């Protein structure tokens, strides 16, 4: 069973279209206020499935993780601090 089998029924035509445009044209789905977060998150999941090397913005990564942008930044800053202390 592949991830597409699990998520397949959730991927509507709109979600597929969003993912295709994100892969082909770039951009940042996190700033799309006209879309429900559920749709953005599903499109980002599909982007990761279809094109794993695709770089996501910090805001898109935060949406996938289910946290806010500032929380992600804080987590990254703390990780950097721990890495410096452990040298």
C-alpha atoms as a PDB file:
ATOM      1  CA  UNK A   1       0.000   0.000   0.000  1.00  0.00           C
ATOM      2  CA  UNK A   2       1.390   3.388  -0.992  1.00  0.00           C
ATOM      3  CA  UNK A   3       0.693   6.791   0.578  1.00  0.00           C
ATOM      4  CA  UNK A   4      -1.378   7.615  -2.502  1.00  0.00           C
ATOM      5  CA  UNK A   5      -3.631   4.658  -1.693  1.00  0.00           C
ATOM      6  CA  UNK A   6      -4.167   5.966   1.835  1.00  0.00           C
ATOM      7  CA  UNK A   7      -4.778   9.610   0.886  1.00  0.00           C
ATOM      8  CA  UNK A   8      -6.282   8.952  -2.545  1.00  0.00           C
ATOM      9  CA  UNK A   9      -9.906   9.666  -1.703  1.00  0.00           C
ATOM     10  CA  UNK A  10      -8.971  12.993  -0.085  1.00  0.00           C
ATOM     11  CA  UNK A  11      -7.221  14.297  -3.197  1.00  0.00           C
ATOM     12  CA  UNK A  12      -9.961  16.123  -5.046  1.00  0.00           C
ATOM     13  CA  UNK A  13      -9.430  17.689  -8.467  1.00  0.00           C
ATOM     14  CA  UNK A  14      -8.811  21.044  -6.761  1.00  0.00           C
ATOM     15  CA  UNK A  15      -6.128  19.571  -4.473  1.00  0.00           C
ATOM     16  CA  UNK A  16      -4.416  17.856  -7.413  1.00  0.00           C
ATOM     17  CA  UNK A  17      -4.490  21.099  -9.402  1.00  0.00           C
ATOM     18  CA  UNK A  18      -3.003  23.071  -6.483  1.00  0.00           C
ATOM     19  CA  UNK A  19      -0.204  20.530  -6.073  1.00  0.00           C
ATOM     20  CA  UNK A  20       0.593  20.512  -9.799  1.00  0.00           C
ATOM     21  CA  UNK A  21       0.743  24.310  -9.953  1.00  0.00           C
ATOM     22  CA  UNK A  22       2.914  24.405  -6.816  1.00  0.00           C
ATOM     23  CA  UNK A  23       5.389  21.941  -8.358  1.00  0.00           C
ATOM     24  CA  UNK A  24       5.435  23.499 -11.823  1.00  0.00           C
ATOM     25  CA  UNK A  25       5.187  27.195 -10.986  1.00  0.00           C
ATOM     26  CA  UNK A  26       6.592  27.383  -7.464  1.00  0.00           C
ATOM     27  CA  UNK A  27       5.028  29.886  -5.148  1.00  0.00           C
ATOM     28  CA  UNK A  28       3.887  29.528  -1.587  1.00  0.00           C
ATOM     29  CA  UNK A  29       0.594  27.845  -0.745  1.00  0.00           C
ATOM     30  CA  UNK A  30       0.823  29.010   2.869  1.00  0.00           C
ATOM     31  CA  UNK A  31      -0.079  32.570   1.877  1.00  0.00           C
ATOM     32  CA  UNK A  32      -3.279  31.535   0.116  1.00  0.00           C
ATOM     33  CA  UNK A  33      -5.907  32.947   2.465  1.00  0.00           C
ATOM     34  CA  UNK A  34      -8.678  32.114  -0.004  1.00  0.00           C
ATOM     35  CA  UNK A  35      -8.204  28.381   0.638  1.00  0.00           C
ATOM     36  CA  UNK A  36      -9.050  26.351   3.735  1.00  0.00           C
ATOM     37  CA  UNK A  37      -5.960  25.147   5.636  1.00  0.00           C
ATOM     38  CA  UNK A  38      -7.197  21.586   5.111  1.00  0.00           C
ATOM     39  CA  UNK A  39      -6.908  22.020   1.331  1.00  0.00           C
ATOM     40  CA  UNK A  40      -3.476  23.640   1.582  1.00  0.00           C
ATOM     41  CA  UNK A  41      -2.202  20.870   3.839  1.00  0.00           C
ATOM     42  CA  UNK A  42      -3.494  18.143   1.495  1.00  0.00           C
ATOM     43  CA  UNK A  43      -1.931  19.895  -1.508  1.00  0.00           C
ATOM     44  CA  UNK A  44       1.409  20.093   0.342  1.00  0.00           C
ATOM     45  CA  UNK A  45       1.197  16.397   1.248  1.00  0.00           C
ATOM     46  CA  UNK A  46       0.628  15.630  -2.424  1.00  0.00           C
ATOM     47  CA  UNK A  47       3.559  17.865  -3.426  1.00  0.00           C
ATOM     48  CA  UNK A  48       5.815  15.873  -1.079  1.00  0.00           C
ATOM     49  CA  UNK A  49       4.522  12.574  -2.499  1.00  0.00           C
ATOM     50  CA  UNK A  50       4.859  13.565  -6.150  1.00  0.00           C
ATOM     51  CA  UNK A  51       8.136  15.492  -5.895  1.00  0.00           C
ATOM     52  CA  UNK A  52      10.050  14.702  -2.674  1.00  0.00           C
ATOM     53  CA  UNK A  53      13.019  17.006  -3.434  1.00  0.00           C
ATOM     54  CA  UNK A  54      10.678  20.016  -3.724  1.00  0.00           C
ATOM     55  CA  UNK A  55      11.685  22.664  -1.192  1.00  0.00           C
ATOM     56  CA  UNK A  56       8.872  24.012   0.957  1.00  0.00           C
ATOM     57  CA  UNK A  57       8.838  27.437   2.557  1.00  0.00           C
ATOM     58  CA  UNK A  58       9.018  27.729   6.337  1.00  0.00           C
ATOM     59  CA  UNK A  59       5.337  28.644   6.434  1.00  0.00           C
ATOM     60  CA  UNK A  60       4.424  25.591   4.343  1.00  0.00           C
ATOM     61  CA  UNK A  61       6.541  23.352   6.573  1.00  0.00           C
ATOM     62  CA  UNK A  62       4.790  24.778   9.633  1.00  0.00           C
ATOM     63  CA  UNK A  63       1.392  23.989   8.094  1.00  0.00           C
ATOM     64  CA  UNK A  64       2.465  20.385   7.448  1.00  0.00           C
ATOM     65  CA  UNK A  65       3.705  20.090  11.034  1.00  0.00           C
ATOM     66  CA  UNK A  66       0.490  21.612  12.386  1.00  0.00           C
ATOM     67  CA  UNK A  67       2.281  24.462  14.152  1.00  0.00           C
ATOM     68  CA  UNK A  68       2.586  28.195  13.650  1.00  0.00           C
ATOM     69  CA  UNK A  69       5.425  29.883  11.809  1.00  0.00           C
ATOM     70  CA  UNK A  70       6.842  31.501  14.969  1.00  0.00           C
ATOM     71  CA  UNK A  71       6.796  28.133  16.771  1.00  0.00           C
ATOM     72  CA  UNK A  72       8.771  26.544  13.920  1.00  0.00           C
ATOM     73  CA  UNK A  73      11.289  29.396  14.022  1.00  0.00           C
ATOM     74  CA  UNK A  74      11.651  28.973  17.782  1.00  0.00           C
ATOM     75  CA  UNK A  75      12.189  25.218  17.377  1.00  0.00           C
ATOM     76  CA  UNK A  76      14.869  25.798  14.744  1.00  0.00           C
ATOM     77  CA  UNK A  77      16.600  28.458  16.862  1.00  0.00           C
ATOM     78  CA  UNK A  78      16.644  26.140  19.885  1.00  0.00           C
ATOM     79  CA  UNK A  79      18.058  23.323  17.755  1.00  0.00           C
ATOM     80  CA  UNK A  80      20.847  25.625  16.537  1.00  0.00           C
ATOM     81  CA  UNK A  81      21.579  26.643  20.121  1.00  0.00           C
ATOM     82  CA  UNK A  82      21.800  22.999  21.228  1.00  0.00           C
ATOM     83  CA  UNK A  83      24.122  22.207  18.315  1.00  0.00           C
ATOM     84  CA  UNK A  84      26.447  25.096  19.264  1.00  0.00           C
ATOM     85  CA  UNK A  85      26.488  24.118  22.948  1.00  0.00           C
ATOM     86  CA  UNK A  86      27.244  20.463  22.119  1.00  0.00           C
ATOM     87  CA  UNK A  87      30.348  21.273  20.036  1.00  0.00           C
END
